[in-house]
N, C-alpha and C. Protein backbone atom coordinates (compact mmCIF):
# COMPACT_ATOMS: atom_id res chain seq x y z
N MET A 1 0.87 -1.19 0.01
CA MET A 1 0.01 0.02 0.01
C MET A 1 0.87 1.27 0.00
N ASP A 2 0.64 2.13 -0.94
CA ASP A 2 1.38 3.41 -1.02
C ASP A 2 0.81 4.42 -0.01
N LYS A 3 -0.54 4.53 0.01
CA LYS A 3 -1.20 5.49 0.89
C LYS A 3 -2.43 4.84 1.55
N ALA A 4 -2.65 5.25 2.79
CA ALA A 4 -3.85 4.79 3.48
C ALA A 4 -5.02 5.52 2.91
N ARG A 5 -6.14 4.80 2.70
CA ARG A 5 -7.36 5.42 2.20
C ARG A 5 -8.18 5.91 3.37
N ILE A 6 -8.49 7.21 3.37
CA ILE A 6 -9.11 7.86 4.53
C ILE A 6 -10.56 8.25 4.18
N ALA A 7 -11.45 7.94 5.14
CA ALA A 7 -12.83 8.46 5.04
C ALA A 7 -13.02 9.49 6.17
N VAL A 8 -13.65 10.62 5.81
CA VAL A 8 -13.94 11.67 6.79
C VAL A 8 -15.49 11.66 7.03
N LEU A 9 -15.89 11.54 8.27
CA LEU A 9 -17.31 11.58 8.59
C LEU A 9 -17.68 12.95 9.17
N VAL A 10 -18.69 13.53 8.63
CA VAL A 10 -19.03 14.93 8.93
C VAL A 10 -20.54 15.07 9.17
N SER A 11 -20.86 16.23 9.82
CA SER A 11 -22.30 16.50 10.02
C SER A 11 -22.68 17.95 9.60
N GLY A 12 -21.64 18.82 9.33
CA GLY A 12 -21.96 20.21 9.10
C GLY A 12 -21.17 20.85 8.01
N GLY A 13 -20.58 22.03 8.34
CA GLY A 13 -19.92 22.83 7.35
C GLY A 13 -18.63 22.30 6.83
N GLY A 14 -17.96 21.49 7.63
CA GLY A 14 -16.75 20.85 7.14
C GLY A 14 -15.48 21.70 7.18
N THR A 15 -15.39 22.57 8.20
CA THR A 15 -14.13 23.36 8.26
C THR A 15 -12.92 22.48 8.59
N ASN A 16 -13.09 21.47 9.40
CA ASN A 16 -11.98 20.56 9.68
C ASN A 16 -11.69 19.69 8.47
N LEU A 17 -12.71 19.29 7.76
CA LEU A 17 -12.52 18.59 6.48
C LEU A 17 -11.66 19.44 5.56
N GLN A 18 -11.97 20.73 5.44
CA GLN A 18 -11.20 21.60 4.57
C GLN A 18 -9.74 21.68 5.00
N ALA A 19 -9.50 21.76 6.31
CA ALA A 19 -8.15 21.75 6.80
C ALA A 19 -7.36 20.49 6.39
N LEU A 20 -8.09 19.37 6.40
CA LEU A 20 -7.47 18.10 5.96
C LEU A 20 -7.18 18.10 4.47
N LEU A 21 -8.18 18.54 3.71
CA LEU A 21 -8.05 18.58 2.24
C LEU A 21 -6.85 19.47 1.89
N ASP A 22 -6.74 20.65 2.54
CA ASP A 22 -5.65 21.61 2.30
C ASP A 22 -4.33 21.04 2.64
N ALA A 23 -4.28 20.09 3.64
CA ALA A 23 -3.02 19.52 4.14
C ALA A 23 -2.51 18.37 3.29
N GLN A 24 -3.33 17.88 2.38
CA GLN A 24 -2.93 16.71 1.59
C GLN A 24 -1.74 17.08 0.68
N GLY A 25 -0.76 16.21 0.68
CA GLY A 25 0.44 16.42 -0.14
C GLY A 25 1.47 17.30 0.54
N ASP A 26 1.04 17.89 1.64
CA ASP A 26 1.97 18.77 2.43
C ASP A 26 2.20 18.12 3.81
N VAL A 27 1.26 18.25 4.67
CA VAL A 27 1.36 17.58 6.01
C VAL A 27 1.02 16.10 5.87
N ILE A 28 -0.08 15.85 5.12
CA ILE A 28 -0.56 14.46 4.95
C ILE A 28 0.04 13.89 3.64
N THR A 29 1.03 13.02 3.80
CA THR A 29 1.68 12.43 2.65
C THR A 29 1.50 10.93 2.58
N SER A 30 1.11 10.34 3.73
CA SER A 30 0.96 8.87 3.81
C SER A 30 -0.48 8.39 3.64
N GLY A 31 -1.41 9.37 3.52
CA GLY A 31 -2.81 9.02 3.37
C GLY A 31 -3.48 9.92 2.36
N GLU A 32 -4.65 9.49 1.91
CA GLU A 32 -5.40 10.24 0.92
C GLU A 32 -6.86 10.14 1.28
N ILE A 33 -7.54 11.28 1.30
CA ILE A 33 -8.97 11.31 1.57
C ILE A 33 -9.70 10.86 0.29
N THR A 34 -10.43 9.71 0.38
CA THR A 34 -11.08 9.20 -0.80
C THR A 34 -12.62 9.11 -0.65
N LEU A 35 -13.11 9.42 0.58
CA LEU A 35 -14.52 9.36 0.80
C LEU A 35 -14.93 10.28 1.92
N VAL A 36 -16.06 10.99 1.72
CA VAL A 36 -16.64 11.85 2.79
C VAL A 36 -18.07 11.35 2.97
N ILE A 37 -18.42 11.04 4.24
CA ILE A 37 -19.80 10.60 4.56
C ILE A 37 -20.43 11.59 5.53
N SER A 38 -21.62 12.07 5.14
CA SER A 38 -22.35 12.99 6.01
C SER A 38 -23.63 12.32 6.53
N ASN A 39 -23.96 12.61 7.82
CA ASN A 39 -25.18 12.09 8.39
C ASN A 39 -26.27 13.19 8.38
N LYS A 40 -25.97 14.31 7.67
CA LYS A 40 -26.97 15.37 7.46
C LYS A 40 -27.09 15.69 5.97
N ALA A 41 -28.33 15.72 5.50
CA ALA A 41 -28.56 16.04 4.07
C ALA A 41 -28.12 17.48 3.82
N GLY A 42 -27.45 17.71 2.69
CA GLY A 42 -27.07 19.06 2.30
C GLY A 42 -26.01 19.70 3.11
N ALA A 43 -25.25 18.95 3.91
CA ALA A 43 -24.16 19.53 4.68
C ALA A 43 -23.15 20.11 3.72
N TYR A 44 -22.67 21.35 4.11
CA TYR A 44 -21.74 22.03 3.19
C TYR A 44 -20.44 21.27 3.03
N ALA A 45 -20.15 20.40 3.97
CA ALA A 45 -18.92 19.56 3.86
C ALA A 45 -18.94 18.74 2.58
N LEU A 46 -20.12 18.32 2.16
CA LEU A 46 -20.22 17.54 0.91
C LEU A 46 -19.85 18.35 -0.29
N GLU A 47 -20.17 19.65 -0.25
CA GLU A 47 -19.78 20.56 -1.33
C GLU A 47 -18.25 20.72 -1.37
N ARG A 48 -17.66 20.82 -0.16
CA ARG A 48 -16.18 20.89 -0.08
C ARG A 48 -15.55 19.65 -0.67
N ALA A 49 -16.15 18.50 -0.40
CA ALA A 49 -15.62 17.26 -0.95
C ALA A 49 -15.75 17.30 -2.46
N ARG A 50 -16.90 17.69 -2.97
CA ARG A 50 -17.13 17.75 -4.46
C ARG A 50 -16.10 18.64 -5.11
N LEU A 51 -15.86 19.80 -4.51
CA LEU A 51 -14.92 20.74 -5.10
C LEU A 51 -13.48 20.23 -5.12
N ALA A 52 -13.19 19.31 -4.15
CA ALA A 52 -11.84 18.69 -4.08
C ALA A 52 -11.80 17.42 -4.89
N GLY A 53 -12.87 17.06 -5.53
CA GLY A 53 -12.86 15.81 -6.37
C GLY A 53 -12.95 14.55 -5.55
N VAL A 54 -13.50 14.66 -4.29
CA VAL A 54 -13.61 13.51 -3.42
C VAL A 54 -15.07 13.02 -3.38
N LYS A 55 -15.25 11.72 -3.43
CA LYS A 55 -16.56 11.14 -3.44
C LYS A 55 -17.33 11.48 -2.12
N GLY A 56 -18.55 11.90 -2.27
CA GLY A 56 -19.36 12.22 -1.06
C GLY A 56 -20.64 11.35 -0.98
N GLU A 57 -20.98 10.90 0.19
CA GLU A 57 -22.19 10.14 0.43
C GLU A 57 -22.98 10.66 1.59
N THR A 58 -24.27 10.48 1.58
CA THR A 58 -25.14 10.87 2.72
C THR A 58 -25.84 9.67 3.26
N VAL A 59 -25.75 9.44 4.56
CA VAL A 59 -26.49 8.34 5.23
C VAL A 59 -27.29 8.98 6.36
N LEU A 60 -28.61 8.85 6.24
CA LEU A 60 -29.49 9.48 7.24
C LEU A 60 -30.06 8.39 8.17
N ARG A 61 -29.88 8.65 9.45
CA ARG A 61 -30.32 7.65 10.44
C ARG A 61 -31.84 7.40 10.34
N ARG A 62 -32.60 8.46 10.15
CA ARG A 62 -34.07 8.33 10.14
C ARG A 62 -34.52 7.45 8.94
N GLU A 63 -33.73 7.46 7.86
CA GLU A 63 -34.06 6.62 6.72
C GLU A 63 -33.67 5.16 6.95
N CYS A 64 -32.68 4.98 7.84
CA CYS A 64 -32.23 3.61 8.13
C CYS A 64 -33.11 2.92 9.19
N GLY A 65 -33.74 3.70 10.04
CA GLY A 65 -34.68 3.13 10.99
C GLY A 65 -34.11 2.90 12.37
N SER A 66 -32.85 2.60 12.42
CA SER A 66 -32.18 2.34 13.73
C SER A 66 -30.74 2.72 13.66
N GLN A 67 -30.14 2.91 14.84
CA GLN A 67 -28.66 3.20 14.85
C GLN A 67 -27.87 2.04 14.27
N GLU A 68 -28.29 0.82 14.53
CA GLU A 68 -27.59 -0.36 14.02
C GLU A 68 -27.62 -0.38 12.52
N ALA A 69 -28.82 -0.14 11.92
CA ALA A 69 -28.94 -0.14 10.45
C ALA A 69 -28.16 1.01 9.85
N PHE A 70 -28.16 2.16 10.56
CA PHE A 70 -27.37 3.34 10.10
C PHE A 70 -25.91 2.97 10.06
N GLU A 71 -25.40 2.36 11.09
CA GLU A 71 -23.96 2.00 11.20
C GLU A 71 -23.64 0.92 10.12
N ASP A 72 -24.54 0.02 9.92
CA ASP A 72 -24.34 -1.00 8.85
C ASP A 72 -24.16 -0.39 7.46
N LYS A 73 -24.97 0.60 7.24
CA LYS A 73 -24.89 1.31 5.89
C LYS A 73 -23.56 2.04 5.77
N VAL A 74 -23.13 2.71 6.87
CA VAL A 74 -21.83 3.40 6.85
C VAL A 74 -20.71 2.37 6.65
N LEU A 75 -20.77 1.30 7.41
CA LEU A 75 -19.71 0.26 7.32
C LEU A 75 -19.64 -0.31 5.90
N SER A 76 -20.81 -0.52 5.27
CA SER A 76 -20.77 -1.08 3.90
C SER A 76 -20.12 -0.08 2.92
N LEU A 77 -20.36 1.19 3.10
CA LEU A 77 -19.72 2.21 2.25
C LEU A 77 -18.23 2.23 2.47
N LEU A 78 -17.81 2.07 3.74
CA LEU A 78 -16.37 2.04 4.06
C LEU A 78 -15.70 0.82 3.38
N ARG A 79 -16.40 -0.30 3.45
CA ARG A 79 -15.81 -1.49 2.86
C ARG A 79 -15.76 -1.39 1.35
N GLU A 80 -16.86 -0.90 0.75
CA GLU A 80 -16.89 -0.77 -0.73
C GLU A 80 -15.74 0.11 -1.24
N ASN A 81 -15.38 1.09 -0.43
CA ASN A 81 -14.35 2.01 -0.86
C ASN A 81 -12.97 1.73 -0.28
N ASN A 82 -12.84 0.48 0.29
CA ASN A 82 -11.55 0.00 0.80
C ASN A 82 -10.88 0.98 1.79
N ILE A 83 -11.69 1.52 2.70
CA ILE A 83 -11.19 2.51 3.62
C ILE A 83 -10.29 1.86 4.72
N ASP A 84 -9.15 2.50 4.99
CA ASP A 84 -8.20 2.03 5.96
C ASP A 84 -8.35 2.75 7.28
N MET A 85 -8.82 4.01 7.23
CA MET A 85 -8.82 4.88 8.39
C MET A 85 -10.02 5.84 8.35
N ILE A 86 -10.52 6.17 9.51
CA ILE A 86 -11.71 7.09 9.57
C ILE A 86 -11.33 8.31 10.45
N VAL A 87 -11.70 9.47 9.97
CA VAL A 87 -11.56 10.71 10.74
C VAL A 87 -12.99 11.24 11.02
N LEU A 88 -13.28 11.42 12.33
CA LEU A 88 -14.53 12.08 12.69
C LEU A 88 -14.23 13.58 12.83
N ALA A 89 -14.81 14.34 11.92
CA ALA A 89 -14.53 15.82 11.91
C ALA A 89 -15.86 16.56 12.07
N GLY A 90 -16.25 16.77 13.32
CA GLY A 90 -17.55 17.40 13.60
C GLY A 90 -18.65 16.43 13.22
N PHE A 91 -18.47 15.15 13.52
CA PHE A 91 -19.51 14.16 13.24
C PHE A 91 -20.34 13.95 14.53
N LEU A 92 -21.62 14.39 14.47
CA LEU A 92 -22.43 14.43 15.68
C LEU A 92 -23.28 13.20 15.87
N SER A 93 -22.72 12.05 15.65
CA SER A 93 -23.38 10.82 15.93
C SER A 93 -22.41 9.92 16.68
N VAL A 94 -22.81 9.48 17.86
CA VAL A 94 -21.87 8.62 18.67
C VAL A 94 -21.92 7.20 18.08
N LEU A 95 -20.77 6.68 17.80
CA LEU A 95 -20.63 5.34 17.19
C LEU A 95 -20.64 4.27 18.29
N SER A 96 -21.25 3.16 18.01
CA SER A 96 -21.33 2.09 18.99
C SER A 96 -19.99 1.38 19.12
N GLU A 97 -19.88 0.58 20.21
CA GLU A 97 -18.70 -0.27 20.42
C GLU A 97 -18.53 -1.25 19.26
N ARG A 98 -19.67 -1.78 18.79
CA ARG A 98 -19.66 -2.71 17.70
C ARG A 98 -18.98 -2.11 16.44
N PHE A 99 -19.32 -0.82 16.13
CA PHE A 99 -18.78 -0.11 14.98
C PHE A 99 -17.25 0.08 15.19
N VAL A 100 -16.90 0.62 16.35
CA VAL A 100 -15.54 0.99 16.64
C VAL A 100 -14.58 -0.22 16.51
N LYS A 101 -15.08 -1.39 16.99
CA LYS A 101 -14.27 -2.60 16.93
C LYS A 101 -13.93 -3.07 15.53
N GLU A 102 -14.65 -2.58 14.53
CA GLU A 102 -14.36 -2.88 13.14
C GLU A 102 -13.06 -2.19 12.68
N TYR A 103 -12.71 -1.08 13.30
CA TYR A 103 -11.55 -0.28 12.94
C TYR A 103 -10.70 0.07 14.19
N PRO A 104 -10.12 -0.93 14.84
CA PRO A 104 -9.37 -0.65 16.07
C PRO A 104 -8.17 0.23 15.80
N ASN A 105 -8.02 1.30 16.58
CA ASN A 105 -6.92 2.24 16.46
C ASN A 105 -6.85 2.85 15.04
N ARG A 106 -7.94 2.91 14.38
CA ARG A 106 -7.98 3.48 13.00
C ARG A 106 -9.07 4.50 12.89
N ILE A 107 -9.67 4.86 13.98
CA ILE A 107 -10.70 5.94 13.98
C ILE A 107 -10.18 7.03 14.91
N ILE A 108 -10.06 8.30 14.38
CA ILE A 108 -9.62 9.39 15.22
C ILE A 108 -10.74 10.48 15.23
N ASN A 109 -10.70 11.26 16.31
CA ASN A 109 -11.71 12.34 16.46
C ASN A 109 -11.00 13.57 16.91
N ILE A 110 -11.55 14.72 16.52
CA ILE A 110 -11.02 16.04 17.04
C ILE A 110 -12.09 16.53 18.01
N HIS A 111 -11.60 16.95 19.20
CA HIS A 111 -12.52 17.52 20.22
C HIS A 111 -11.99 18.89 20.61
N PRO A 112 -12.91 19.87 20.71
CA PRO A 112 -12.42 21.26 20.94
C PRO A 112 -12.21 21.66 22.38
N SER A 113 -11.52 20.77 23.13
CA SER A 113 -11.08 21.17 24.47
C SER A 113 -9.88 20.27 24.81
N LEU A 114 -9.28 20.58 25.97
CA LEU A 114 -8.15 19.75 26.42
C LEU A 114 -8.73 18.62 27.27
N ILE A 115 -8.98 17.48 26.62
CA ILE A 115 -9.48 16.32 27.33
C ILE A 115 -8.50 15.98 28.47
N PRO A 116 -8.94 15.72 29.70
CA PRO A 116 -10.29 15.27 30.09
C PRO A 116 -11.24 16.40 30.54
N LYS A 117 -10.92 17.67 30.26
CA LYS A 117 -11.84 18.75 30.62
C LYS A 117 -12.84 18.94 29.52
N HIS A 118 -14.07 19.29 29.91
CA HIS A 118 -15.09 19.69 29.00
C HIS A 118 -15.33 18.68 27.87
N CYS A 119 -15.51 17.44 28.23
CA CYS A 119 -15.72 16.43 27.19
C CYS A 119 -16.75 15.40 27.68
N GLY A 120 -17.04 14.44 26.81
CA GLY A 120 -18.00 13.37 27.15
C GLY A 120 -19.34 13.66 26.51
N ASP A 121 -20.34 12.89 26.91
CA ASP A 121 -21.67 13.02 26.37
C ASP A 121 -22.24 14.44 26.50
N GLY A 122 -22.76 14.97 25.40
CA GLY A 122 -23.35 16.27 25.47
C GLY A 122 -22.43 17.44 25.19
N PHE A 123 -21.11 17.17 25.23
CA PHE A 123 -20.15 18.25 24.96
C PHE A 123 -19.73 18.27 23.52
N TYR A 124 -20.29 19.15 22.73
CA TYR A 124 -19.93 19.32 21.35
C TYR A 124 -20.18 20.75 20.89
N GLY A 125 -19.54 21.18 19.82
CA GLY A 125 -19.75 22.49 19.25
C GLY A 125 -19.59 23.58 20.27
N LEU A 126 -20.47 24.55 20.21
CA LEU A 126 -20.38 25.75 21.09
C LEU A 126 -20.54 25.39 22.57
N LYS A 127 -21.22 24.27 22.85
CA LYS A 127 -21.43 23.85 24.26
C LYS A 127 -20.11 23.70 24.99
N VAL A 128 -19.09 23.22 24.25
CA VAL A 128 -17.77 23.03 24.88
C VAL A 128 -17.21 24.36 25.30
N HIS A 129 -17.27 25.34 24.38
CA HIS A 129 -16.70 26.65 24.61
C HIS A 129 -17.47 27.43 25.71
N GLU A 130 -18.78 27.23 25.72
CA GLU A 130 -19.63 27.84 26.79
C GLU A 130 -19.18 27.29 28.14
N SER A 131 -18.87 25.97 28.18
CA SER A 131 -18.45 25.32 29.44
C SER A 131 -17.06 25.86 29.89
N VAL A 132 -16.18 26.07 28.90
CA VAL A 132 -14.83 26.61 29.23
C VAL A 132 -14.96 27.99 29.85
N LEU A 133 -15.79 28.81 29.22
CA LEU A 133 -15.95 30.19 29.72
C LEU A 133 -16.67 30.25 31.07
N ALA A 134 -17.67 29.40 31.26
CA ALA A 134 -18.39 29.30 32.53
C ALA A 134 -17.47 28.85 33.66
N ALA A 135 -16.47 28.02 33.34
CA ALA A 135 -15.54 27.55 34.35
C ALA A 135 -14.49 28.53 34.67
N GLY A 136 -14.34 29.61 33.83
CA GLY A 136 -13.33 30.61 34.06
C GLY A 136 -11.93 30.16 33.72
N ASP A 137 -11.82 29.13 32.85
CA ASP A 137 -10.51 28.66 32.42
C ASP A 137 -9.69 29.74 31.69
N LYS A 138 -8.44 29.75 31.95
CA LYS A 138 -7.55 30.70 31.26
C LYS A 138 -6.93 30.09 30.01
N VAL A 139 -6.94 28.76 29.94
CA VAL A 139 -6.40 28.05 28.82
C VAL A 139 -7.38 26.97 28.36
N THR A 140 -7.54 26.84 27.04
CA THR A 140 -8.32 25.75 26.48
C THR A 140 -7.49 25.16 25.34
N GLY A 141 -8.13 24.60 24.36
CA GLY A 141 -7.36 24.01 23.26
C GLY A 141 -8.18 22.92 22.56
N ALA A 142 -7.45 22.03 21.95
CA ALA A 142 -8.11 20.92 21.21
C ALA A 142 -7.32 19.66 21.41
N THR A 143 -8.03 18.54 21.19
CA THR A 143 -7.43 17.19 21.36
C THR A 143 -7.83 16.32 20.21
N VAL A 144 -6.83 15.63 19.65
CA VAL A 144 -7.13 14.55 18.71
C VAL A 144 -6.85 13.23 19.44
N HIS A 145 -7.83 12.34 19.39
CA HIS A 145 -7.71 11.08 20.09
C HIS A 145 -8.27 9.93 19.29
N PHE A 146 -7.86 8.72 19.63
CA PHE A 146 -8.46 7.55 19.04
C PHE A 146 -9.86 7.39 19.61
N VAL A 147 -10.74 6.80 18.82
CA VAL A 147 -12.13 6.62 19.23
C VAL A 147 -12.33 5.22 19.80
N ASN A 148 -12.84 5.13 21.00
CA ASN A 148 -13.28 3.85 21.54
C ASN A 148 -14.77 3.92 21.92
N GLU A 149 -15.25 2.99 22.68
CA GLU A 149 -16.69 2.93 23.01
C GLU A 149 -17.09 3.99 24.01
N ILE A 150 -16.17 4.71 24.62
CA ILE A 150 -16.48 5.79 25.57
C ILE A 150 -16.36 7.15 24.87
N THR A 151 -17.37 7.98 24.92
CA THR A 151 -17.31 9.28 24.25
C THR A 151 -16.12 10.10 24.72
N ASP A 152 -15.27 10.47 23.79
CA ASP A 152 -14.09 11.26 24.07
C ASP A 152 -13.09 10.50 25.01
N GLY A 153 -13.19 9.16 25.05
CA GLY A 153 -12.43 8.41 26.01
C GLY A 153 -11.21 7.67 25.48
N GLY A 154 -10.92 7.75 24.20
CA GLY A 154 -9.84 7.02 23.61
C GLY A 154 -8.48 7.66 23.88
N GLU A 155 -7.45 6.94 23.59
CA GLU A 155 -6.08 7.41 23.82
C GLU A 155 -5.78 8.69 23.05
N ILE A 156 -5.15 9.61 23.74
CA ILE A 156 -4.86 10.98 23.14
C ILE A 156 -3.63 10.84 22.23
N ILE A 157 -3.77 11.48 21.06
CA ILE A 157 -2.69 11.47 20.07
C ILE A 157 -1.93 12.79 20.14
N PHE A 158 -2.65 13.91 20.02
CA PHE A 158 -2.06 15.28 20.13
C PHE A 158 -2.99 16.18 20.88
N GLN A 159 -2.41 17.13 21.62
CA GLN A 159 -3.17 18.24 22.19
C GLN A 159 -2.44 19.54 21.88
N GLN A 160 -3.20 20.60 21.76
CA GLN A 160 -2.60 21.89 21.54
C GLN A 160 -3.38 22.93 22.39
N GLU A 161 -2.61 23.70 23.14
CA GLU A 161 -3.24 24.73 24.07
C GLU A 161 -3.53 26.01 23.26
N VAL A 162 -4.59 26.67 23.71
CA VAL A 162 -4.99 27.99 23.15
C VAL A 162 -5.42 28.89 24.31
N PRO A 163 -4.97 30.12 24.33
CA PRO A 163 -5.38 31.02 25.44
C PRO A 163 -6.81 31.43 25.36
N VAL A 164 -7.47 31.59 26.53
CA VAL A 164 -8.77 32.22 26.62
C VAL A 164 -8.52 33.67 26.92
N MET A 165 -9.14 34.55 26.11
CA MET A 165 -8.92 36.00 26.26
C MET A 165 -10.06 36.65 27.02
N GLU A 166 -9.75 37.77 27.61
CA GLU A 166 -10.76 38.58 28.30
C GLU A 166 -11.84 38.96 27.27
N GLY A 167 -13.09 38.82 27.64
CA GLY A 167 -14.18 39.23 26.77
C GLY A 167 -14.57 38.25 25.71
N ASP A 168 -13.92 37.04 25.72
CA ASP A 168 -14.28 36.03 24.71
C ASP A 168 -15.77 35.62 24.78
N THR A 169 -16.35 35.45 23.58
CA THR A 169 -17.66 34.80 23.55
C THR A 169 -17.41 33.37 23.08
N PRO A 170 -18.39 32.46 23.21
CA PRO A 170 -18.20 31.11 22.74
C PRO A 170 -17.79 31.07 21.27
N GLU A 171 -18.40 31.94 20.47
CA GLU A 171 -18.13 31.96 19.01
C GLU A 171 -16.70 32.41 18.69
N VAL A 172 -16.24 33.44 19.40
CA VAL A 172 -14.88 33.94 19.18
C VAL A 172 -13.87 32.88 19.65
N LEU A 173 -14.15 32.25 20.77
CA LEU A 173 -13.26 31.25 21.27
C LEU A 173 -13.23 30.00 20.32
N GLN A 174 -14.38 29.63 19.83
CA GLN A 174 -14.45 28.48 18.91
C GLN A 174 -13.57 28.74 17.67
N LYS A 175 -13.62 29.93 17.15
CA LYS A 175 -12.80 30.27 15.95
C LYS A 175 -11.32 30.21 16.28
N ARG A 176 -10.93 30.73 17.45
CA ARG A 176 -9.53 30.72 17.80
C ARG A 176 -9.02 29.29 18.01
N VAL A 177 -9.84 28.46 18.65
CA VAL A 177 -9.44 27.05 18.87
C VAL A 177 -9.29 26.31 17.57
N MET A 178 -10.19 26.59 16.61
CA MET A 178 -10.07 25.99 15.29
C MET A 178 -8.78 26.38 14.61
N GLU A 179 -8.56 27.69 14.54
CA GLU A 179 -7.42 28.22 13.82
C GLU A 179 -6.08 27.87 14.44
N GLN A 180 -6.02 27.92 15.74
CA GLN A 180 -4.69 27.80 16.44
C GLN A 180 -4.45 26.36 16.94
N ALA A 181 -5.50 25.49 16.87
CA ALA A 181 -5.28 24.11 17.40
C ALA A 181 -5.81 23.06 16.42
N GLU A 182 -7.19 23.06 16.23
CA GLU A 182 -7.76 21.96 15.48
C GLU A 182 -7.18 21.79 14.08
N TRP A 183 -7.07 22.87 13.33
CA TRP A 183 -6.59 22.78 11.95
C TRP A 183 -5.10 22.45 11.84
N ILE A 184 -4.39 22.52 12.91
CA ILE A 184 -2.95 22.20 12.94
C ILE A 184 -2.76 20.72 13.38
N ILE A 185 -3.40 20.31 14.49
CA ILE A 185 -3.14 18.99 15.01
C ILE A 185 -3.90 17.85 14.33
N LEU A 186 -5.07 18.19 13.71
CA LEU A 186 -5.80 17.11 13.05
C LEU A 186 -5.05 16.54 11.85
N PRO A 187 -4.52 17.41 10.91
CA PRO A 187 -3.74 16.88 9.83
C PRO A 187 -2.50 16.12 10.29
N LYS A 188 -1.79 16.62 11.37
CA LYS A 188 -0.64 15.92 11.90
C LYS A 188 -1.00 14.53 12.42
N ALA A 189 -2.10 14.41 13.12
CA ALA A 189 -2.56 13.12 13.63
C ALA A 189 -2.92 12.21 12.52
N CYS A 190 -3.57 12.77 11.51
CA CYS A 190 -3.99 11.98 10.32
C CYS A 190 -2.77 11.37 9.63
N GLU A 191 -1.73 12.16 9.51
CA GLU A 191 -0.48 11.68 8.88
C GLU A 191 0.16 10.59 9.78
N GLN A 192 0.19 10.83 11.07
CA GLN A 192 0.89 9.84 11.96
C GLN A 192 0.17 8.49 11.87
N VAL A 193 -1.12 8.48 11.93
CA VAL A 193 -1.91 7.23 11.90
C VAL A 193 -1.80 6.56 10.49
N SER A 194 -1.92 7.38 9.45
CA SER A 194 -1.79 6.89 8.04
C SER A 194 -0.43 6.23 7.83
N LYS A 195 0.61 6.86 8.32
CA LYS A 195 2.00 6.35 8.14
C LYS A 195 2.12 4.98 8.76
N LYS A 196 1.53 4.84 9.99
CA LYS A 196 1.64 3.57 10.71
C LYS A 196 0.89 2.48 9.94
N ILE A 197 -0.29 2.82 9.36
CA ILE A 197 -1.08 1.89 8.62
C ILE A 197 -0.30 1.39 7.38
N VAL A 198 0.36 2.34 6.69
CA VAL A 198 1.13 2.00 5.50
C VAL A 198 2.30 1.08 5.84
N GLU A 199 2.98 1.45 6.94
CA GLU A 199 4.14 0.65 7.41
C GLU A 199 3.73 -0.75 7.79
N GLU A 200 2.59 -0.89 8.43
CA GLU A 200 2.09 -2.21 8.87
C GLU A 200 1.67 -3.08 7.68
N SER A 201 1.29 -2.41 6.60
CA SER A 201 0.85 -3.15 5.43
C SER A 201 1.97 -3.77 4.59
N LYS A 202 3.22 -3.32 4.91
CA LYS A 202 4.35 -3.82 4.09
C LYS A 202 4.91 -5.10 4.57
């Protein structure tokens, strides 16, 4: 295998997906994004994929009827496209233990805080930054970690600190964490895991 085939799972605008697409051939040299799957119809992330020439698919849980059927559909798409590694980039569906065990140490997630703070069930998007500000933290950041059956509970790959400034709103803090942490460490983690997969395949 020359490059690990990467699928990115998304639910929204796809800013982290864009950071990964922009890092291909530069930071990410051992992997290639070949599939984007959204669990929301019309997610702008799918347009980003299209513009980059990457195949995009939509899988809606309500159309599948159950979480198990939803995951089966996603797994079948991953297999059809020979995916080696999965990146959760703002994917707002918690994956079951059964799903995660199909890709051990090959699913990574980006979380917008310094795990173990402000993480776990219910902590996503602006809710994380609201929690950071409510706690009066002076430093926050982002974490890339492996995904296991516990929400935000897998082994940490990279963390990057970001200062909390006087007068920050959740929206302002979210943007700073993206620009100064998420968009930097997610491509680095993607490359590190891709490289390991390629080496193990030889």
